[in-house]
Amino acid sequence: MRTPRIVIVGAGFGGLQTAQSLANSGADVCLIDRNNYHTFVPLLYQVATSQLEPEYIAYPIRRILRRFSGKRQKHKPKTRFLWAEMQRIDFSAQVVETDRCAIAYDFLVLATGSKTQYLGVTGASEYAFPMRTLEEAIKLRNQILTCLELANQESDRVIRQQLLTFTIVGGGATGVEIAGALMEMLRGKFRRDYPRLDLQQVRLILVQSGDRLLSELPKKLGVYTYNRLSQLGVEIYLQTRVSQVTPESVHLQNNEVIPTATVIWTAGLEANFPQTSAEISTAKKEKILVHPTLQLLEQPNVYAIGDLAYIEQNKPLAGVAPEALQQGVTVARNIQQQLRGKPAKPFSYFNKGRLAIIGCYSGVGKIGNFAFTGFLAWVMWLGVHLVYLPGYRSRLLVLLSWLYTYLLGDRAVRLILPI
């Protein structure tokens, strides 16, 4: 009897969890990703703000697979990794076409995640700095450090102010996190690197289209975040939309023009939708409509999870890492159910709560009906992310970096690196 083959596309939280849960299923499992490492996305902003080295939050996929499959199987491990980029899915032939080869499947799990959505704003894709990948985080760090270096040499007051103005578009968790981290960075010992530069001249602007920050959390947490960031010196524009981004400025729909050399885009995401041989049903933001079992409506042997899948449970899921992890476990179980000739079971998300870090020793959180703010939320956020970070070495290095940053008020990463 032929061994069934399960192909998983995407080595994010959901894809890796699916592969791990299928490690001892007896099936051949092939995990495909365009990078040979897993990126711990929640800490990207700390790479961008000179707090962590990029390799601290990138973990080799092959090492992860070796850890949960190689030691547990008597014979040749049946979970393997293919470094390739998916180009197209042929549903009729049950083949995933990549830039390196074609892989046949019996079951397919799509976990390709999301990409930046620029919302039709002119110039945003060309001149704004997104932060969804490790490469983008490094580019943003280079940009921030370059602006400080150039401002330190600039004699023209207007140009210097433009270099020292940083505009963040989007008031969700990522926008809030990077705003707080930048204020930490510029208020600490970092300023000693530029004795000729008055970092009090730095303008940090946060533009949010909605009427409050952190709209996914209770209103009082958004109000606390607004007040805390304002105390730190962040200028917050609520109910304000961006109409255009240029190399020298950002234009708002109220006709205000902000001279700035750096626009950080955290305003929107859309599903990283794959090219397919047949049409599939989609929802808003290009997400794939799936059954409660996470199966595609048209393809019972194909699953979609994480940011790619649209499923409602009372309200649409938020697309955070815990959802993807739980979906990975459900999909693995459902595939094993189907292999035994049994029906797949619906996905049920257990919400463990939400946390967001503001920076400068403060954060917000909601667990059950309990909402809290301040130092406790900040510590809990650090602890939770340290636990979920893969690899003991990475955890140790991140912990040491945090101790260095928060005890000494300094940032260790000063390098402008070629990309």
Protein backbone atom coordinates (compact mmCIF):
# COMPACT_ATOMS: atom_id res chain seq x y z
CA MET A 1 0.00 0.00 0.00
CA ARG A 2 1.38 3.40 -1.01
CA THR A 3 2.27 5.77 1.80
CA PRO A 4 0.11 8.91 1.62
CA ARG A 5 1.95 12.20 1.05
CA ILE A 6 1.05 15.38 2.88
CA VAL A 7 2.49 18.63 1.55
CA ILE A 8 2.58 21.72 3.78
CA VAL A 9 3.36 25.09 2.16
CA GLY A 10 4.70 27.67 4.59
CA ALA A 11 6.89 27.24 7.68
CA GLY A 12 5.28 29.85 9.88
CA PHE A 13 3.60 29.06 13.17
CA GLY A 14 0.74 27.10 11.62
CA GLY A 15 2.78 25.18 9.05
CA LEU A 16 5.44 24.09 11.54
CA GLN A 17 2.81 23.03 14.08
CA THR A 18 1.05 20.95 11.41
CA ALA A 19 4.31 19.24 10.46
CA GLN A 20 5.15 18.57 14.10
CA SER A 21 1.71 17.10 14.79
CA LEU A 22 2.02 14.80 11.75
CA ALA A 23 5.57 13.64 12.54
CA ASN A 24 4.45 10.22 13.77
CA SER A 25 1.41 9.80 11.54
CA GLY A 26 3.10 7.29 9.21
CA ALA A 27 2.56 9.58 6.22
CA ASP A 28 5.28 11.19 4.10
CA VAL A 29 5.28 14.86 5.09
CA CYS A 30 6.94 17.51 2.94
CA LEU A 31 7.27 21.05 4.31
CA ILE A 32 7.96 23.74 1.68
CA ASP A 33 9.18 27.29 2.34
CA ARG A 34 11.09 29.92 0.35
CA ASN A 35 13.40 30.48 3.36
CA ASN A 36 15.36 27.80 5.16
CA TYR A 37 14.47 29.37 8.50
CA HIS A 38 11.39 30.08 10.59
CA THR A 39 10.95 33.76 11.50
CA PHE A 40 9.56 34.62 14.91
CA VAL A 41 7.46 37.49 13.56
CA PRO A 42 6.36 39.03 16.91
CA LEU A 43 9.94 40.15 17.57
CA LEU A 44 10.63 41.69 14.15
CA TYR A 45 10.12 45.18 15.53
CA GLN A 46 12.97 44.60 18.00
CA VAL A 47 15.28 43.79 15.10
CA ALA A 48 14.16 46.99 13.37
CA THR A 49 14.86 49.08 16.47
CA SER A 50 18.39 47.78 17.12
CA GLN A 51 17.49 45.64 20.12
CA LEU A 52 18.00 42.13 18.71
CA GLU A 53 20.30 40.62 16.11
CA PRO A 54 18.34 39.16 13.14
CA GLU A 55 19.63 35.62 13.72
CA TYR A 56 18.19 35.59 17.25
CA ILE A 57 14.65 35.35 15.89
CA ALA A 58 15.39 33.13 12.87
CA TYR A 59 15.63 29.39 13.50
CA PRO A 60 16.72 26.72 10.97
CA ILE A 61 13.74 24.72 9.75
CA ARG A 62 15.79 21.55 9.29
CA ARG A 63 16.88 21.70 12.92
CA ILE A 64 13.27 22.00 14.05
CA LEU A 65 12.25 19.03 11.91
CA ARG A 66 15.20 17.01 13.20
CA ARG A 67 14.16 17.71 16.76
CA PHE A 68 10.62 16.40 16.49
CA SER A 69 10.94 13.67 13.85
CA GLY A 70 14.44 12.25 13.55
CA LYS A 71 14.81 10.82 17.04
CA ARG A 72 11.35 9.33 17.29
CA GLN A 73 11.34 7.13 14.23
CA LYS A 74 13.08 3.77 13.96
CA HIS A 75 13.59 4.12 10.23
CA LYS A 76 14.25 6.99 7.87
CA PRO A 77 12.39 10.11 9.01
CA LYS A 78 9.27 10.73 6.95
CA THR A 79 9.19 14.48 7.48
CA ARG A 80 11.40 16.42 5.07
CA PHE A 81 11.99 20.02 4.09
CA LEU A 82 12.10 21.48 0.58
CA TRP A 83 13.68 24.90 0.13
CA ALA A 84 11.62 26.30 -2.72
CA GLU A 85 9.00 28.91 -3.56
CA MET A 86 5.53 27.79 -4.52
CA GLN A 87 4.40 29.08 -7.89
CA ARG A 88 1.11 27.30 -8.61
CA ILE A 89 -1.23 24.59 -7.36
CA ASP A 90 -2.77 22.17 -9.86
CA PHE A 91 -5.83 20.80 -8.08
CA SER A 92 -6.81 18.35 -10.82
CA ALA A 93 -3.37 16.70 -10.91
CA GLN A 94 -2.86 17.21 -7.13
CA VAL A 95 0.54 18.79 -7.68
CA VAL A 96 2.31 21.76 -6.09
CA GLU A 97 4.56 23.47 -8.64
CA THR A 98 7.61 25.28 -7.23
CA ASP A 99 10.56 27.12 -8.75
CA ARG A 100 12.66 23.97 -8.24
CA CYS A 101 10.39 20.99 -8.83
CA ALA A 102 6.82 19.70 -8.72
CA ILE A 103 5.54 17.79 -5.68
CA ALA A 104 2.51 15.50 -5.81
CA TYR A 105 0.22 15.39 -2.79
CA ASP A 106 -2.64 13.42 -1.34
CA PHE A 107 -3.37 16.11 1.22
CA LEU A 108 -2.30 19.75 1.02
CA VAL A 109 -2.03 22.31 3.81
CA LEU A 110 -1.71 25.96 2.80
CA ALA A 111 -0.04 28.12 5.45
CA THR A 112 1.44 30.87 3.28
CA GLY A 113 0.57 33.66 5.71
CA SER A 114 0.01 37.29 4.84
CA LYS A 115 1.66 40.20 3.06
CA THR A 116 1.52 43.96 3.39
CA GLN A 117 -1.59 45.67 2.04
CA TYR A 118 -1.05 49.25 0.90
CA LEU A 119 -4.76 50.11 0.59
CA GLY A 120 -4.30 51.83 -2.77
CA VAL A 121 -2.22 54.68 -1.29
CA THR A 122 -0.06 56.27 -3.98
CA GLY A 123 3.66 55.74 -3.42
CA ALA A 124 3.25 53.54 -0.33
CA SER A 125 4.60 50.37 -1.91
CA GLU A 126 7.60 52.25 -3.36
CA TYR A 127 8.62 54.50 -0.47
CA ALA A 128 7.15 53.17 2.78
CA PHE A 129 8.94 50.57 4.92
CA PRO A 130 6.85 47.48 5.70
CA MET A 131 7.82 45.03 8.42
CA ARG A 132 6.59 41.51 7.63
CA THR A 133 9.87 39.73 6.92
CA LEU A 134 13.35 39.59 8.42
CA GLU A 135 14.80 41.34 5.37
CA GLU A 136 12.28 44.18 5.74
CA ALA A 137 13.12 44.58 9.43
CA ILE A 138 16.83 44.85 8.60
CA LYS A 139 16.08 47.43 5.88
CA LEU A 140 14.08 49.49 8.35
CA ARG A 141 16.88 49.33 10.93
CA ASN A 142 19.34 50.46 8.27
CA GLN A 143 17.03 53.35 7.39
CA ILE A 144 16.66 54.52 10.99
CA LEU A 145 20.40 54.39 11.64
CA THR A 146 21.16 56.05 8.29
CA CYS A 147 18.81 58.92 9.10
CA LEU A 148 20.57 59.48 12.43
CA GLU A 149 24.00 59.41 10.76
CA LEU A 150 22.96 61.88 8.05
CA ALA A 151 21.19 64.17 10.52
CA ASN A 152 24.36 64.24 12.63
CA GLN A 153 26.22 65.70 9.64
CA GLU A 154 23.46 67.95 8.29
CA SER A 155 23.79 71.72 8.79
CA ASP A 156 20.45 72.63 7.17
CA ARG A 157 17.83 72.76 9.94
CA VAL A 158 14.90 71.83 7.65
CA ILE A 159 16.61 68.78 6.16
CA ARG A 160 17.82 67.69 9.59
CA GLN A 161 14.27 67.84 10.95
CA GLN A 162 13.00 65.81 8.00
CA LEU A 163 15.62 63.12 8.73
CA LEU A 164 14.59 63.09 12.39
CA THR A 165 10.86 62.68 11.68
CA PHE A 166 9.56 59.11 11.70
CA THR A 167 5.97 58.44 10.69
CA ILE A 168 4.21 55.18 11.54
CA VAL A 169 1.03 54.39 9.60
CA GLY A 170 -1.27 52.04 11.47
CA GLY A 171 -2.31 51.99 15.12
CA GLY A 172 -2.60 48.25 15.66
CA ALA A 173 -0.28 46.15 17.81
CA THR A 174 2.70 46.42 15.43
CA GLY A 175 2.42 50.19 15.07
CA VAL A 176 2.14 50.67 18.82
CA GLU A 177 5.07 48.31 19.51
CA ILE A 178 7.46 50.01 17.13
CA ALA A 179 6.43 53.48 18.38
CA GLY A 180 7.25 52.51 21.96
CA ALA A 181 10.48 50.76 20.96
CA LEU A 182 11.71 53.78 18.99
CA MET A 183 11.09 56.05 21.97
CA GLU A 184 13.01 53.62 24.20
CA MET A 185 15.85 53.58 21.70
CA LEU A 186 16.14 57.34 21.30
CA ARG A 187 15.74 58.15 25.00
CA GLY A 188 18.38 55.71 26.22
CA LYS A 189 22.16 55.75 26.06
CA PHE A 190 21.86 55.50 22.28
CA ARG A 191 21.85 59.29 22.16
CA ARG A 192 25.45 59.34 23.40
CA ASP A 193 26.50 58.03 19.99
CA TYR A 194 25.45 61.38 18.51
CA PRO A 195 26.75 64.10 20.85
CA ARG A 196 26.26 66.78 18.17
CA LEU A 197 22.63 65.77 17.67
CA ASP A 198 19.78 66.88 19.91
CA LEU A 199 17.48 63.86 19.87
CA GLN A 200 14.80 65.95 21.54
CA GLN A 201 14.22 67.22 17.99
CA VAL A 202 13.02 63.78 16.93
CA ARG A 203 9.35 63.71 15.89
CA LEU A 204 7.62 60.36 16.13
CA ILE A 205 4.17 60.43 14.54
CA LEU A 206 1.58 57.64 14.64
CA VAL A 207 -1.27 57.87 12.11
CA GLN A 208 -4.40 55.77 12.70
CA SER A 209 -7.49 55.74 10.47
CA GLY A 210 -9.79 54.60 13.29
CA ASP A 211 -10.97 56.50 16.34
CA ARG A 212 -8.66 54.63 18.75
CA LEU A 213 -5.53 52.54 19.01
CA LEU A 214 -5.53 48.73 19.39
CA SER A 215 -9.08 48.36 18.10
CA GLU A 216 -8.91 44.58 18.62
CA LEU A 217 -8.74 45.12 22.40
CA PRO A 218 -11.24 46.73 24.80
CA LYS A 219 -11.65 50.48 24.45
CA LYS A 220 -10.11 51.32 27.83
CA LEU A 221 -6.88 49.54 26.81
CA GLY A 222 -6.77 51.63 23.64
CA VAL A 223 -7.26 54.79 25.71
CA TYR A 224 -4.45 53.76 28.08
CA THR A 225 -2.16 53.11 25.12
CA TYR A 226 -2.98 56.51 23.62
CA ASN A 227 -2.24 58.29 26.90
CA ARG A 228 0.96 56.34 27.53
CA LEU A 229 2.40 56.95 24.06
CA SER A 230 1.47 60.64 24.31
CA GLN A 231 3.35 60.86 27.61
CA LEU A 232 6.38 59.37 25.89
CA GLY A 233 6.27 62.10 23.24
CA VAL A 234 4.54 60.30 20.34
CA GLU A 235 2.26 62.53 18.24
CA ILE A 236 -0.92 60.54 17.53
CA TYR A 237 -3.29 61.36 14.67
CA LEU A 238 -6.63 59.54 15.07
CA GLN A 239 -9.31 59.29 12.35
CA THR A 240 -6.68 60.31 9.84
CA ARG A 241 -5.85 58.60 6.55
CA VAL A 242 -2.76 58.77 4.38
CA SER A 243 -3.33 59.78 0.76
CA GLN A 244 0.23 59.68 -0.63
CA VAL A 245 3.77 58.75 0.32
CA THR A 246 6.81 60.33 -1.34
CA PRO A 247 10.55 59.99 -0.64
CA GLU A 248 10.45 63.27 1.30
CA SER A 249 6.98 63.35 2.90
CA VAL A 250 3.67 61.75 3.78
CA HIS A 251 0.42 63.40 2.64
CA LEU A 252 -2.74 63.13 4.73
CA GLN A 253 -6.29 63.28 3.39
CA ASN A 254 -6.89 66.49 5.38
CA ASN A 255 -4.29 68.09 3.05
CA GLU A 256 -1.59 68.21 5.73
CA VAL A 257 1.89 67.32 4.51
CA ILE A 258 4.45 65.95 6.96
CA PRO A 259 8.08 66.22 5.82
CA THR A 260 9.66 62.89 6.73
CA ALA A 261 12.37 60.61 5.39
CA THR A 262 10.92 57.47 7.00
CA VAL A 263 7.38 56.13 6.68
CA ILE A 264 6.83 52.83 8.48
CA TRP A 265 3.81 50.96 7.11
CA THR A 266 1.88 48.75 9.55
CA ALA A 267 -1.61 49.71 8.35
CA GLY A 268 -2.87 46.62 6.60
CA LEU A 269 -2.39 42.97 5.73
CA GLU A 270 -3.89 40.68 3.16
CA ALA A 271 -3.58 36.95 2.59
CA ASN A 272 -0.60 35.74 0.59
CA PHE A 273 -2.94 34.15 -1.92
CA PRO A 274 -1.53 31.26 -4.01
CA GLN A 275 -1.98 30.89 -7.76
CA THR A 276 -4.28 27.95 -8.49
CA SER A 277 -5.50 25.97 -11.50
CA ALA A 278 -9.14 26.48 -10.54
CA GLU A 279 -11.01 29.28 -8.81
CA ILE A 280 -11.51 29.02 -5.07
CA SER A 281 -13.87 30.98 -2.86
CA THR A 282 -12.36 33.98 -1.10
CA ALA A 283 -13.45 36.55 1.46
CA LYS A 284 -12.14 40.02 2.29
CA LYS A 285 -8.39 40.64 2.19
CA GLU A 286 -8.01 37.72 -0.26
CA LYS A 287 -8.52 35.15 2.49
CA ILE A 288 -9.68 31.68 1.47
CA LEU A 289 -13.14 30.68 2.63
CA VAL A 290 -12.97 27.38 4.49
CA HIS A 291 -15.37 25.01 6.17
CA PRO A 292 -15.39 24.91 9.99
CA THR A 293 -13.04 21.92 9.55
CA LEU A 294 -10.57 24.29 7.77
CA GLN A 295 -11.03 22.44 4.46
CA LEU A 296 -11.42 24.48 1.28
CA LEU A 297 -15.02 24.65 0.10
CA GLU A 298 -14.13 23.09 -3.27
CA GLN A 299 -11.27 20.77 -2.26
CA PRO A 300 -11.87 18.40 0.69
CA ASN A 301 -8.25 17.23 0.72
CA VAL A 302 -6.85 20.79 0.87
CA TYR A 303 -6.71 22.85 4.07
CA ALA A 304 -5.93 26.53 4.70
CA ILE A 305 -4.81 27.90 8.06
CA GLY A 306 -3.46 31.04 9.72
CA ASP A 307 -3.67 34.40 7.97
CA LEU A 308 -4.68 32.66 4.74
CA ALA A 309 -7.96 31.21 6.06
CA TYR A 310 -11.25 33.00 6.70
CA ILE A 311 -13.38 31.36 9.37
CA GLU A 312 -15.93 32.93 11.69
CA GLN A 313 -16.48 31.81 15.25
CA ASN A 314 -18.92 34.39 16.68
CA LYS A 315 -16.67 36.90 14.88
CA PRO A 316 -13.75 36.56 12.42
CA LEU A 317 -10.54 35.31 13.99
CA ALA A 318 -7.77 37.87 14.46
CA GLY A 319 -4.94 35.99 12.72
CA VAL A 320 -2.57 35.85 15.69
CA ALA A 321 0.02 33.10 16.32
CA PRO A 322 -2.01 31.10 18.91
CA GLU A 323 -4.82 30.70 16.36
CA ALA A 324 -2.40 29.35 13.74
CA LEU A 325 -0.84 26.94 16.26
CA GLN A 326 -4.21 25.54 17.29
CA GLN A 327 -5.31 25.28 13.66
CA GLY A 328 -2.16 23.32 12.86
CA VAL A 329 -3.06 20.76 15.52
CA THR A 330 -6.65 20.53 14.24
CA VAL A 331 -5.60 20.06 10.62
CA ALA A 332 -3.15 17.30 11.54
CA ARG A 333 -5.88 15.47 13.44
CA ASN A 334 -8.38 15.93 10.64
CA ILE A 335 -6.00 14.54 8.02
CA GLN A 336 -5.40 11.51 10.20
CA GLN A 337 -9.17 11.16 10.59
CA GLN A 338 -9.57 11.19 6.80
CA LEU A 339 -6.78 8.63 6.38
CA ARG A 340 -8.79 6.33 8.67
CA GLY A 341 -11.92 6.95 6.61
CA LYS A 342 -13.56 9.15 9.25
CA PRO A 343 -14.98 12.66 8.83
CA ALA A 344 -13.00 15.75 9.75
CA LYS A 345 -14.00 17.67 12.89
CA PRO A 346 -14.65 21.41 13.21
CA PHE A 347 -11.97 23.75 14.52
CA SER A 348 -12.68 25.41 17.85
CA TYR A 349 -10.40 28.19 19.01
CA PHE A 350 -9.55 28.51 22.68
CA ASN A 351 -8.69 32.14 23.30
CA LYS A 352 -5.95 32.35 25.93
CA GLY A 353 -6.01 36.14 25.88
CA ARG A 354 -4.21 38.99 24.14
CA LEU A 355 -1.17 41.02 25.12
CA ALA A 356 0.44 44.06 23.52
CA ILE A 357 3.65 45.81 24.56
CA ILE A 358 3.86 49.60 24.49
CA GLY A 359 7.46 49.97 25.55
CA CYS A 360 9.14 51.88 28.36
CA TYR A 361 8.06 49.19 30.85
CA SER A 362 4.36 49.27 30.00
CA GLY A 363 1.87 47.14 28.10
CA VAL A 364 -1.78 46.11 27.96
CA GLY A 365 -3.50 42.76 28.15
CA LYS A 366 -6.82 40.94 28.34
CA ILE A 367 -7.24 37.41 29.67
CA GLY A 368 -10.83 36.26 29.92
CA ASN A 369 -12.82 39.14 31.38
CA PHE A 370 -9.77 40.59 33.12
CA ALA A 371 -8.09 43.58 31.46
CA PHE A 372 -4.87 45.00 32.87
CA THR A 373 -2.20 47.55 32.02
CA GLY A 374 1.28 48.72 32.93
CA PHE A 375 4.32 46.82 34.16
CA LEU A 376 2.52 43.49 34.70
CA ALA A 377 1.35 43.36 31.07
CA TRP A 378 4.84 44.31 29.90
CA VAL A 379 6.50 41.50 31.90
CA MET A 380 3.88 38.96 30.79
CA TRP A 381 4.39 39.89 27.14
CA LEU A 382 8.15 39.35 27.43
CA GLY A 383 7.69 36.04 29.25
CA VAL A 384 5.14 34.62 26.81
CA HIS A 385 7.25 35.45 23.77
CA LEU A 386 10.40 34.08 25.35
CA VAL A 387 8.62 30.76 25.97
CA TYR A 388 7.28 30.50 22.41
CA LEU A 389 10.60 31.42 20.78
CA PRO A 390 12.08 28.19 19.32
CA GLY A 391 15.48 26.99 20.50
CA TYR A 392 17.20 27.26 23.88
CA ARG A 393 20.14 29.16 22.40
CA SER A 394 17.84 31.77 20.86
CA ARG A 395 15.96 32.16 24.14
CA LEU A 396 19.19 32.66 26.06
CA LEU A 397 20.53 35.23 23.60
CA VAL A 398 17.24 37.13 23.54
CA LEU A 399 17.04 37.10 27.34
CA LEU A 400 20.60 38.43 27.63
CA SER A 401 19.83 41.14 25.05
CA TRP A 402 16.74 42.17 26.99
CA LEU A 403 18.70 42.35 30.25
CA TYR A 404 21.34 44.47 28.54
CA THR A 405 18.70 46.78 27.07
CA TYR A 406 16.43 47.20 30.06
CA LEU A 407 19.04 47.25 32.82
CA LEU A 408 21.57 49.46 31.05
CA GLY A 409 19.18 51.46 28.85
CA ASP A 410 21.28 50.77 25.77
CA ARG A 411 20.99 49.10 22.36
CA ALA A 412 23.75 46.74 21.28
CA VAL A 413 23.04 46.61 17.53
CA ARG A 414 24.50 49.64 15.70
CA LEU A 415 25.36 48.17 12.29
CA ILE A 416 24.13 49.42 8.92
CA LEU A 417 24.43 46.21 6.93
CA PRO A 418 24.20 45.60 3.18
CA ILE A 419 21.07 43.69 2.15
